[in-house]
Amino acid sequence: MNHYSQVKQNGLETFVSNLNNLYIDLLIDDVLKTHQKAEYSQLIDQALLDHDETAFLTYTNALKQLEDN
C-alpha cells in the first residue's frame, strides 16, 4: 500500500469513526429527551390530580420548551 492509499484509508476510518460518534450522541440525546418528556407528562398528570396549578404550569412550560428544542 503506498503512502497516498494509507492516508486515504486513515481519512476514511476517521470519517467513519466521527460519523459513528455523532450517531451515538444523537441517539443518546433522543433517548434522554424521550425520557424527560415521559417524566414531565407524569408530573403534569400528578399536578392535575392534586389540583396544583403552579406545578401544572411549571411542568407544561418545561415540556413545551423541551419539545421546541
C-alpha atoms as a PDB file:
ATOM      1  CA  MET A   1       0.000   0.000   0.000  1.00  0.00           C
ATOM      2  CA  ASN A   2       1.508   3.328  -0.984  1.00  0.00           C
ATOM      3  CA  HIS A   3       1.533   6.453   1.179  1.00  0.00           C
ATOM      4  CA  TYR A   4      -1.455   8.062  -0.587  1.00  0.00           C
ATOM      5  CA  SER A   5      -3.586   4.951  -0.111  1.00  0.00           C
ATOM      6  CA  GLN A   6      -2.659   4.771   3.580  1.00  0.00           C
ATOM      7  CA  VAL A   7      -3.562   8.453   4.117  1.00  0.00           C
ATOM      8  CA  LYS A   8      -6.837   7.929   2.243  1.00  0.00           C
ATOM      9  CA  GLN A   9      -7.647   4.848   4.369  1.00  0.00           C
ATOM     10  CA  ASN A  10      -6.854   6.708   7.609  1.00  0.00           C
ATOM     11  CA  GLY A  11      -9.056   9.598   6.483  1.00  0.00           C
ATOM     12  CA  LEU A  12     -11.925   7.232   5.749  1.00  0.00           C
ATOM     13  CA  GLU A  13     -11.527   5.480   9.104  1.00  0.00           C
ATOM     14  CA  THR A  14     -11.523   8.845  10.879  1.00  0.00           C
ATOM     15  CA  PHE A  15     -14.633   9.932   8.974  1.00  0.00           C
ATOM     16  CA  VAL A  16     -16.493   6.719   9.814  1.00  0.00           C
ATOM     17  CA  SER A  17     -15.438   6.966  13.455  1.00  0.00           C
ATOM     18  CA  ASN A  18     -16.641  10.575  13.663  1.00  0.00           C
ATOM     19  CA  LEU A  19     -19.904   9.634  11.970  1.00  0.00           C
ATOM     20  CA  ASN A  20     -20.446   6.799  14.452  1.00  0.00           C
ATOM     21  CA  ASN A  21     -19.733   9.133  17.370  1.00  0.00           C
ATOM     22  CA  LEU A  22     -22.211  11.675  16.018  1.00  0.00           C
ATOM     23  CA  TYR A  23     -24.858   8.983  15.604  1.00  0.00           C
ATOM     24  CA  ILE A  24     -24.310   7.783  19.168  1.00  0.00           C
ATOM     25  CA  ASP A  25     -24.568  11.347  20.505  1.00  0.00           C
ATOM     26  CA  LEU A  26     -27.821  11.931  18.602  1.00  0.00           C
ATOM     27  CA  LEU A  27     -29.229   8.621  19.798  1.00  0.00           C
ATOM     28  CA  ILE A  28     -28.388   9.369  23.433  1.00  0.00           C
ATOM     29  CA  ASP A  29     -29.897  12.863  23.146  1.00  0.00           C
ATOM     30  CA  ASP A  30     -33.089  11.389  21.696  1.00  0.00           C
ATOM     31  CA  VAL A  31     -33.373   8.775  24.446  1.00  0.00           C
ATOM     32  CA  LEU A  32     -32.829  11.389  27.158  1.00  0.00           C
ATOM     33  CA  LYS A  33     -35.379  13.732  25.592  1.00  0.00           C
ATOM     34  CA  THR A  34     -37.945  10.931  25.354  1.00  0.00           C
ATOM     35  CA  HIS A  35     -37.347  10.035  28.998  1.00  0.00           C
ATOM     36  CA  GLN A  36     -37.669  13.673  30.107  1.00  0.00           C
ATOM     37  CA  LYS A  37     -40.939  14.030  28.166  1.00  0.00           C
ATOM     38  CA  ALA A  38     -42.336  10.964  29.908  1.00  0.00           C
ATOM     39  CA  GLU A  39     -41.295  12.324  33.307  1.00  0.00           C
ATOM     40  CA  TYR A  40     -42.894  15.717  32.610  1.00  0.00           C
ATOM     41  CA  SER A  41     -46.078  14.003  31.431  1.00  0.00           C
ATOM     42  CA  GLN A  42     -46.281  12.051  34.680  1.00  0.00           C
ATOM     43  CA  LEU A  43     -45.637  15.199  36.710  1.00  0.00           C
ATOM     44  CA  ILE A  44     -48.329  17.053  34.756  1.00  0.00           C
ATOM     45  CA  ASP A  45     -50.795  14.233  35.409  1.00  0.00           C
ATOM     46  CA  GLN A  46     -49.970  14.306  39.113  1.00  0.00           C
ATOM     47  CA  ALA A  47     -50.350  18.095  39.227  1.00  0.00           C
ATOM     48  CA  LEU A  48     -53.798  17.739  37.666  1.00  0.00           C
ATOM     49  CA  LEU A  49     -54.782  15.082  40.200  1.00  0.00           C
ATOM     50  CA  ASP A  50     -53.523  17.311  43.024  1.00  0.00           C
ATOM     51  CA  HIS A  51     -55.208  20.412  41.559  1.00  0.00           C
ATOM     52  CA  ASP A  52     -51.799  22.113  41.753  1.00  0.00           C
ATOM     53  CA  GLU A  53     -51.937  24.889  39.172  1.00  0.00           C
ATOM     54  CA  THR A  54     -48.411  26.118  39.873  1.00  0.00           C
ATOM     55  CA  ALA A  55     -46.868  22.694  39.320  1.00  0.00           C
ATOM     56  CA  PHE A  56     -49.053  22.156  36.249  1.00  0.00           C
ATOM     57  CA  LEU A  57     -47.887  25.408  34.656  1.00  0.00           C
ATOM     58  CA  THR A  58     -44.267  24.738  35.587  1.00  0.00           C
ATOM     59  CA  TYR A  59     -44.211  21.264  34.062  1.00  0.00           C
ATOM     60  CA  THR A  60     -46.238  22.148  30.961  1.00  0.00           C
ATOM     61  CA  ASN A  61     -43.885  25.047  30.246  1.00  0.00           C
ATOM     62  CA  ALA A  62     -40.880  22.777  30.746  1.00  0.00           C
ATOM     63  CA  LEU A  63     -42.413  20.206  28.390  1.00  0.00           C
ATOM     64  CA  LYS A  64     -43.109  22.876  25.760  1.00  0.00           C
ATOM     65  CA  GLN A  65     -39.511  24.093  25.955  1.00  0.00           C
ATOM     66  CA  LEU A  66     -38.224  20.548  25.619  1.00  0.00           C
ATOM     67  CA  GLU A  67     -40.419  19.929  22.570  1.00  0.00           C
ATOM     68  CA  ASP A  68     -39.321  23.211  20.946  1.00  0.00           C
ATOM     69  CA  ASN A  69     -35.656  22.197  21.121  1.00  0.00           C
END
